Structures are given as structure tokens and as C-alpha cells.
């Protein structure tokens, strides 16, 4: 009998929950047992805001190191945490079917009903910029910590609302606390939001074949297009870039936006094309956004 596969995961409740779902699905499909190996990342222990860290890779690099060193067989991440720059030693072997990509408000009221000056917590410049365009009169507070910690700040009276990913709240069984889910035309999600990424060493052909059963082609095409926008804009996951692609079976419909932190100025564009051209679709859309000044808005955010 084969030894259990060692799956690396961050130790947070969110990470172990979603990794556990992937492990269960893999066992159902292949019969292989999986053991979870909890790994602490730099992003888990630092007190700095993600914007100060550049955002990319802080939750991923330690898991990737363990992969390369052979201490784990594969790793599961939230796809939006992955750097867009590829590491040739590692392959993105599967993107399982995507969960709800939208952002959610956790509060006792909808955004429109919050009192002027209400305190809304989020660590994401992308969310702040877009929410500010909807409610410029609210006070947006940078926060860190896992989802339960952030939600707890409402009960403690520190905040009136927090904004989190719908998918994560659903995975934790806390979707009952959502007061509003933002449609993608209100708040454009982060590239890859709601998706998971399964990575393994690039030289492990046996694992690439085994783990490939978890891959969903429609999810992979959509997130490839979204992340191509992010990469072409040379932006990290802390940048104010939203992107979302929907797939009707053959055609990808891709929308992306860069919104200034004041919530007033933005560059938002849409395009569509064949699923097989997902990478080019994202790059071309980013190029047209840069031509309309998206880079200037990005530069302002960086300073």
C-alpha cells in the first residue's frame, strides 16, 4: 500500500479547511490517502500590512521551499496569493473548480445603509478603492489577521463592517454573517479569487499525472486570463487591480480595472475571446489599459 501523500498547507483555519477539501476529493478520485502538513509562512507571522510587503509570495514561499526540499509532495494555496512570476522548479498542476469569486460585506447592514463615517475593515487597496467609489463617506481601516479575527472586531466594537472573500466565508461555514455580496460590476474581485492552486515539483511526472484529476479547465482558463492582466501590469496581489473572467463554454469574457485609491479615477476595460487564448487575452487587455493610463494609477498606489 502506498504511503500517504504529504500535502503542505498554511495552518490557519481557512487554509486547513480548504486543503482538507482538496485532500478528500483527491482520495475520492484516486484512492490515495493524504496527510496535511501545516507550515507557518512569513505572511502568517509578520505584523506588517500586506501593502508594505509587496503582497506577492508572502503566504507561498515557505510552502514552495518545502516542495523543493522534498519535505512535502504537493501544496495547496489560495490562488490569489500566488506570485505571477513562475518558478521553473514548480508546476501549477491543478486549479480545482472555482467557488464564488465575489467579495462580501460582514455587518449588520448593507453598505448603502451604514452610517456616514462607519468603520469598514479591509487589508486590500483594491477593495478600498472600489468601495470608496460607492461610499466615499466611510472610514476604511487597514486590518490583518484571519477571517474570524477580523469578524471579531465587529463584535468588539472596533469596526462596523469587514469585507472578505465570499468563498472563504462559505468554506468556514460563516456565510450566515454576510450582509451583502457585491456583484462583480460593483466590486471587481482580485484575480483568481475563489480559486485554489495545487502545486507540485516540476520533475515529479507521477504526481503531475495523479494530481491532474483535480484540474478544472474552465477555472484554469478564467484565472489564467485574470492573472495575465496582473502580470502584464506588473502588479502584486496587494495592488488595486480587479479582474474577472467568465466562461460560457468556449468564449471567455474578461473585465479588469485599476482604481485609484481615491475611488474617483479608474481604468476599466472588457474583452472576450476563445478560452485557448486566455493568456493573450489578459495581456492584450492589460496593454490597452496601460495605454489609457492604468500605469499612472498603479504608480500612485505604490507611493
Protein backbone atom coordinates (compact mmCIF):
# COMPACT_ATOMS: atom_id res chain seq x y z
CA UNK A 1 0.00 0.00 0.00
CA UNK A 2 1.32 3.45 -0.96
CA UNK A 3 2.37 5.86 1.77
CA UNK A 4 0.07 8.85 2.25
CA UNK A 5 0.87 11.88 0.12
CA UNK A 6 2.14 14.84 2.16
CA UNK A 7 0.14 17.97 1.40
CA UNK A 8 1.59 21.28 2.57
CA UNK A 9 -0.83 23.92 3.80
CA UNK A 10 -0.79 27.06 5.89
CA UNK A 11 -2.01 26.44 9.43
CA UNK A 12 -4.92 28.89 9.52
CA UNK A 13 -8.44 27.52 9.85
CA UNK A 14 -9.24 28.79 6.36
CA UNK A 15 -6.20 27.14 4.79
CA UNK A 16 -6.59 23.78 6.52
CA UNK A 17 -10.30 23.71 5.72
CA UNK A 18 -9.81 24.30 2.01
CA UNK A 19 -6.79 21.98 1.87
CA UNK A 20 -8.85 19.31 3.61
CA UNK A 21 -11.50 19.58 0.89
CA UNK A 22 -8.84 19.09 -1.79
CA UNK A 23 -7.37 16.11 0.08
CA UNK A 24 -10.81 14.49 0.42
CA UNK A 25 -11.53 14.98 -3.29
CA UNK A 26 -8.16 13.55 -4.33
CA UNK A 27 -8.73 10.44 -2.21
CA UNK A 28 -12.22 10.01 -3.69
CA UNK A 29 -10.86 10.22 -7.25
CA UNK A 30 -7.62 8.24 -6.89
CA UNK A 31 -7.81 6.21 -3.68
CA UNK A 32 -4.58 7.78 -2.43
CA UNK A 33 -4.54 8.83 1.21
CA UNK A 34 -3.35 12.34 2.03
CA UNK A 35 -1.89 13.77 5.22
CA UNK A 36 -1.87 17.52 5.86
CA UNK A 37 1.44 19.11 6.85
CA UNK A 38 0.93 22.52 8.49
CA UNK A 39 3.55 25.11 7.57
CA UNK A 40 3.96 28.62 9.02
CA UNK A 41 4.68 31.27 6.38
CA UNK A 42 6.20 34.73 6.69
CA UNK A 43 2.82 36.24 5.89
CA UNK A 44 1.36 34.44 8.92
CA UNK A 45 3.83 35.82 11.45
CA UNK A 46 4.67 39.34 10.27
CA UNK A 47 2.65 42.24 11.70
CA UNK A 48 3.21 44.43 8.64
CA UNK A 49 0.35 45.34 6.33
CA UNK A 50 0.34 43.40 3.07
CA UNK A 51 0.78 46.63 1.14
CA UNK A 52 4.14 47.11 2.87
CA UNK A 53 5.20 43.58 1.98
CA UNK A 54 4.58 43.98 -1.72
CA UNK A 55 1.89 41.35 -1.30
CA UNK A 56 3.23 38.65 -3.56
CA UNK A 57 4.53 35.37 -2.25
CA UNK A 58 4.48 36.05 1.49
CA UNK A 59 2.00 33.22 2.08
CA UNK A 60 3.53 30.93 -0.55
CA UNK A 61 7.33 30.96 -0.49
CA UNK A 62 7.78 28.75 2.57
CA UNK A 63 5.46 26.08 1.15
CA UNK A 64 7.37 26.22 -2.13
CA UNK A 65 10.66 25.81 -0.26
CA UNK A 66 9.33 22.66 1.41
CA UNK A 67 8.26 21.33 -2.00
CA UNK A 68 11.69 21.92 -3.50
CA UNK A 69 13.39 20.36 -0.46
CA UNK A 70 11.16 17.29 -0.76
CA UNK A 71 9.57 17.67 2.68
CA UNK A 72 6.09 17.69 1.14
CA UNK A 73 4.75 16.16 -2.08
CA UNK A 74 2.37 18.94 -3.08
CA UNK A 75 0.91 22.16 -1.74
CA UNK A 76 -2.46 23.92 -1.82
CA UNK A 77 -2.73 27.71 -1.83
CA UNK A 78 -5.38 30.33 -2.36
CA UNK A 79 -4.63 31.09 -5.98
CA UNK A 80 -4.78 34.85 -5.49
CA UNK A 81 -1.75 34.52 -3.14
CA UNK A 82 0.46 33.07 -5.91
CA UNK A 83 3.12 35.34 -7.42
CA UNK A 84 2.61 35.79 -11.16
CA UNK A 85 6.31 35.10 -11.82
CA UNK A 86 6.83 31.39 -12.45
CA UNK A 87 9.38 29.20 -10.69
CA UNK A 88 10.67 26.57 -13.16
CA UNK A 89 11.14 24.05 -10.35
CA UNK A 90 7.41 24.04 -9.56
CA UNK A 91 4.32 23.45 -11.68
CA UNK A 92 0.76 24.61 -11.14
CA UNK A 93 -0.69 21.16 -11.63
CA UNK A 94 -4.37 21.83 -10.92
CA UNK A 95 -6.94 24.56 -10.40
CA UNK A 96 -9.99 22.83 -8.89
CA UNK A 97 -13.49 24.13 -9.73
CA UNK A 98 -13.80 27.71 -8.54
CA UNK A 99 -16.04 28.78 -5.68
CA UNK A 100 -17.89 32.12 -5.54
CA UNK A 101 -15.36 34.77 -6.67
CA UNK A 102 -17.20 37.77 -5.21
CA UNK A 103 -16.42 39.96 -2.20
CA UNK A 104 -18.77 40.06 0.78
CA UNK A 105 -19.64 42.56 3.49
CA UNK A 106 -19.92 41.19 7.01
CA UNK A 107 -22.02 43.61 9.06
CA UNK A 108 -25.50 44.14 10.46
CA UNK A 109 -26.36 46.29 7.43
CA UNK A 110 -25.75 46.61 3.70
CA UNK A 111 -23.09 49.07 2.52
CA UNK A 112 -25.71 51.67 1.48
CA UNK A 113 -27.25 51.57 4.97
CA UNK A 114 -24.08 52.06 7.01
CA UNK A 115 -23.99 55.39 8.84
CA UNK A 116 -21.69 58.11 7.44
CA UNK A 117 -18.22 57.65 8.90
CA UNK A 118 -18.79 53.98 9.70
CA UNK A 119 -15.55 51.99 10.04
CA UNK A 120 -15.04 49.29 7.39
CA UNK A 121 -12.06 46.96 7.80
CA UNK A 122 -10.08 45.52 4.91
CA UNK A 123 -6.40 44.94 4.16
CA UNK A 124 -6.91 45.28 0.41
CA UNK A 125 -6.26 48.52 -1.52
CA UNK A 126 -8.33 47.03 -4.37
CA UNK A 127 -11.35 46.75 -2.10
CA UNK A 128 -10.82 50.18 -0.53
CA UNK A 129 -10.57 51.91 -3.91
CA UNK A 130 -13.74 50.31 -5.26
CA UNK A 131 -15.74 50.67 -2.04
CA UNK A 132 -14.71 54.31 -1.84
CA UNK A 133 -16.28 54.86 -5.26
CA UNK A 134 -19.55 53.51 -3.81
CA UNK A 135 -19.36 55.11 -0.33
CA UNK A 136 -16.67 57.83 -0.17
CA UNK A 137 -18.01 58.95 3.23
CA UNK A 138 -16.99 55.79 5.09
CA UNK A 139 -13.76 55.29 7.02
CA UNK A 140 -11.69 52.42 5.62
CA UNK A 141 -9.42 50.80 8.21
CA UNK A 142 -6.45 48.55 7.28
CA UNK A 143 -6.63 45.24 9.18
CA UNK A 144 -4.66 41.97 9.31
CA UNK A 145 -5.42 38.55 10.69
CA UNK A 146 -7.53 35.56 9.77
CA UNK A 147 -11.23 35.81 8.97
CA UNK A 148 -12.54 35.00 12.49
CA UNK A 149 -10.17 37.61 13.98
CA UNK A 150 -11.36 40.25 11.53
CA UNK A 151 -15.03 39.45 12.10
CA UNK A 152 -14.44 39.56 15.85
CA UNK A 153 -13.52 43.24 15.60
CA UNK A 154 -17.17 44.00 14.79
CA UNK A 155 -18.45 42.35 17.98
CA UNK A 156 -15.67 44.10 19.92
CA UNK A 157 -16.92 47.46 18.65
CA UNK A 158 -13.69 48.27 16.80
CA UNK A 159 -15.32 48.14 13.38
CA UNK A 160 -18.81 48.40 11.89
CA UNK A 161 -18.11 46.04 8.99
CA UNK A 162 -15.39 43.98 7.32
CA UNK A 163 -15.00 42.92 3.70
CA UNK A 164 -13.83 39.39 2.96
CA UNK A 165 -13.98 36.88 0.11
CA UNK A 166 -17.34 35.12 -0.11
CA UNK A 167 -15.66 31.79 -0.89
CA UNK A 168 -13.62 31.82 2.30
CA UNK A 169 -16.61 32.66 4.47
CA UNK A 170 -18.57 29.82 2.87
CA UNK A 171 -15.71 27.35 3.41
CA UNK A 172 -15.61 28.33 7.09
CA UNK A 173 -19.38 27.99 7.40
CA UNK A 174 -19.72 31.69 8.27
CA UNK A 175 -21.70 32.79 5.23
CA UNK A 176 -24.69 33.39 7.52
CA UNK A 177 -22.91 36.51 8.76
CA UNK A 178 -22.79 38.10 5.29
CA UNK A 179 -25.00 41.18 4.98
CA UNK A 180 -24.23 41.82 1.30
CA UNK A 181 -22.44 40.10 -1.58
CA UNK A 182 -21.03 42.60 -4.08
CA UNK A 183 -21.73 41.85 -7.71
CA UNK A 184 -18.65 41.92 -9.95
CA UNK A 185 -19.80 45.16 -11.61
CA UNK A 186 -19.80 46.82 -8.15
CA UNK A 187 -16.55 45.43 -6.74
CA UNK A 188 -14.36 43.56 -9.20
CA UNK A 189 -12.67 40.62 -7.44
CA UNK A 190 -8.93 40.01 -7.15
CA UNK A 191 -7.51 37.92 -9.99
CA UNK A 192 -8.02 34.26 -9.09
CA UNK A 193 -10.29 34.99 -6.10
CA UNK A 194 -12.38 31.98 -5.08
CA UNK A 195 -9.90 29.60 -6.72
CA UNK A 196 -7.35 27.22 -5.25
CA UNK A 197 -3.96 26.30 -6.66
CA UNK A 198 -2.34 22.87 -6.40
CA UNK A 199 1.42 22.88 -6.96
CA UNK A 200 4.00 20.09 -7.08
CA UNK A 201 7.64 19.74 -8.15
CA UNK A 202 8.04 20.11 -11.93
CA UNK A 203 10.18 16.94 -12.12
CA UNK A 204 7.58 14.65 -10.50
CA UNK A 205 5.77 13.23 -13.54
CA UNK A 206 3.98 10.70 -11.31
CA UNK A 207 2.46 13.47 -9.20
CA UNK A 208 1.63 15.65 -12.19
CA UNK A 209 -0.44 12.82 -13.63
CA UNK A 210 -2.08 11.90 -10.32
CA UNK A 211 -2.95 15.44 -9.24
CA UNK A 212 -4.13 16.40 -12.72
CA UNK A 213 -7.51 14.80 -11.96
CA UNK A 214 -8.26 17.83 -9.74
CA UNK A 215 -7.94 20.33 -12.59
CA UNK A 216 -10.99 22.14 -13.97
CA UNK A 217 -10.26 23.52 -17.48
CA UNK A 218 -12.84 26.30 -17.28
CA UNK A 219 -11.44 27.56 -13.98
CA UNK A 220 -7.88 27.35 -15.31
CA UNK A 221 -8.72 29.37 -18.42
CA UNK A 222 -10.51 32.07 -16.42
CA UNK A 223 -7.79 32.51 -13.82
CA UNK A 224 -5.05 32.36 -16.47
CA UNK A 225 -6.64 35.35 -18.22
CA UNK A 226 -7.09 37.24 -14.93
CA UNK A 227 -3.54 36.60 -13.77
CA UNK A 228 -2.16 37.56 -17.19
CA UNK A 229 -3.66 41.02 -16.63
CA UNK A 230 -1.99 41.21 -13.22
CA UNK A 231 1.36 40.05 -14.59
CA UNK A 232 1.30 42.46 -17.55
CA UNK A 233 0.52 45.34 -15.18
CA UNK A 234 3.50 44.14 -13.09
CA UNK A 235 1.29 44.22 -10.04
CA UNK A 236 1.26 42.13 -6.88
CA UNK A 237 -1.77 40.82 -5.02
CA UNK A 238 -1.78 43.95 -2.84
CA UNK A 239 -2.28 46.24 -5.85
CA UNK A 240 -5.64 47.86 -6.67
CA UNK A 241 -6.28 45.56 -9.64
CA UNK A 242 -9.55 43.72 -10.10
CA UNK A 243 -10.11 41.15 -12.83
CA UNK A 244 -12.77 38.57 -13.54
CA UNK A 245 -13.32 36.19 -16.43
CA UNK A 246 -16.46 34.16 -17.02
CA UNK A 247 -16.55 31.20 -19.37
CA UNK A 248 -19.65 30.24 -21.34
CA UNK A 249 -18.03 27.02 -22.55
CA UNK A 250 -15.87 28.33 -25.39
CA UNK A 251 -15.62 32.10 -25.06
CA UNK A 252 -14.00 33.94 -22.15
CA UNK A 253 -15.46 37.29 -21.17
CA UNK A 254 -12.79 39.23 -19.27
CA UNK A 255 -13.15 42.51 -17.37
CA UNK A 256 -10.34 44.25 -15.50
CA UNK A 257 -9.97 47.53 -13.64
CA UNK A 258 -7.36 49.62 -11.91
CA UNK A 259 -8.99 52.05 -9.50
CA UNK A 260 -7.16 54.95 -7.86
CA UNK A 261 -7.17 54.81 -4.07
CA UNK A 262 -9.42 57.91 -4.03
CA UNK A 263 -12.12 55.81 -5.70
CA UNK A 264 -12.74 58.52 -8.29
CA UNK A 265 -10.37 57.76 -11.16
CA UNK A 266 -10.23 54.37 -12.81
CA UNK A 267 -9.40 52.49 -15.97
CA UNK A 268 -11.86 49.68 -16.62
CA UNK A 269 -11.98 47.62 -19.80
CA UNK A 270 -13.56 44.40 -21.08
CA UNK A 271 -12.80 41.98 -23.88
CA UNK A 272 -13.71 38.48 -25.00
CA UNK A 273 -12.04 35.70 -26.91
CA UNK A 274 -11.51 31.94 -27.13
CA UNK A 275 -10.66 30.02 -23.98
CA UNK A 276 -7.48 28.66 -25.58
CA UNK A 277 -6.16 32.22 -25.94
CA UNK A 278 -6.65 33.09 -22.25
CA UNK A 279 -3.08 34.27 -21.69
CA UNK A 280 -3.05 36.54 -24.75
CA UNK A 281 -6.49 37.87 -23.86
CA UNK A 282 -5.26 39.05 -20.47
CA UNK A 283 -2.02 40.52 -21.80
CA UNK A 284 -3.79 42.40 -24.59
CA UNK A 285 -6.38 43.82 -22.20
CA UNK A 286 -3.64 44.99 -19.82
CA UNK A 287 -1.80 46.67 -22.72
CA UNK A 288 -4.93 48.62 -23.68
CA UNK A 289 -5.41 49.61 -20.01
CA UNK A 290 -1.82 50.85 -19.78
CA UNK A 291 -2.42 52.88 -22.94
CA UNK A 292 -5.29 54.58 -21.11
CA UNK A 293 -3.22 55.48 -18.05
CA UNK A 294 -3.59 52.44 -15.76
CA UNK A 295 0.13 52.52 -15.01
CA UNK A 296 -0.13 56.04 -13.62
CA UNK A 297 -2.86 54.99 -11.18
CA UNK A 298 -0.77 51.97 -10.16
CA UNK A 299 2.25 54.22 -9.56
CA UNK A 300 0.26 56.49 -7.27
CA UNK A 301 -0.70 53.48 -5.17
CA UNK A 302 2.93 52.45 -4.79
CA UNK A 303 3.97 55.75 -3.22
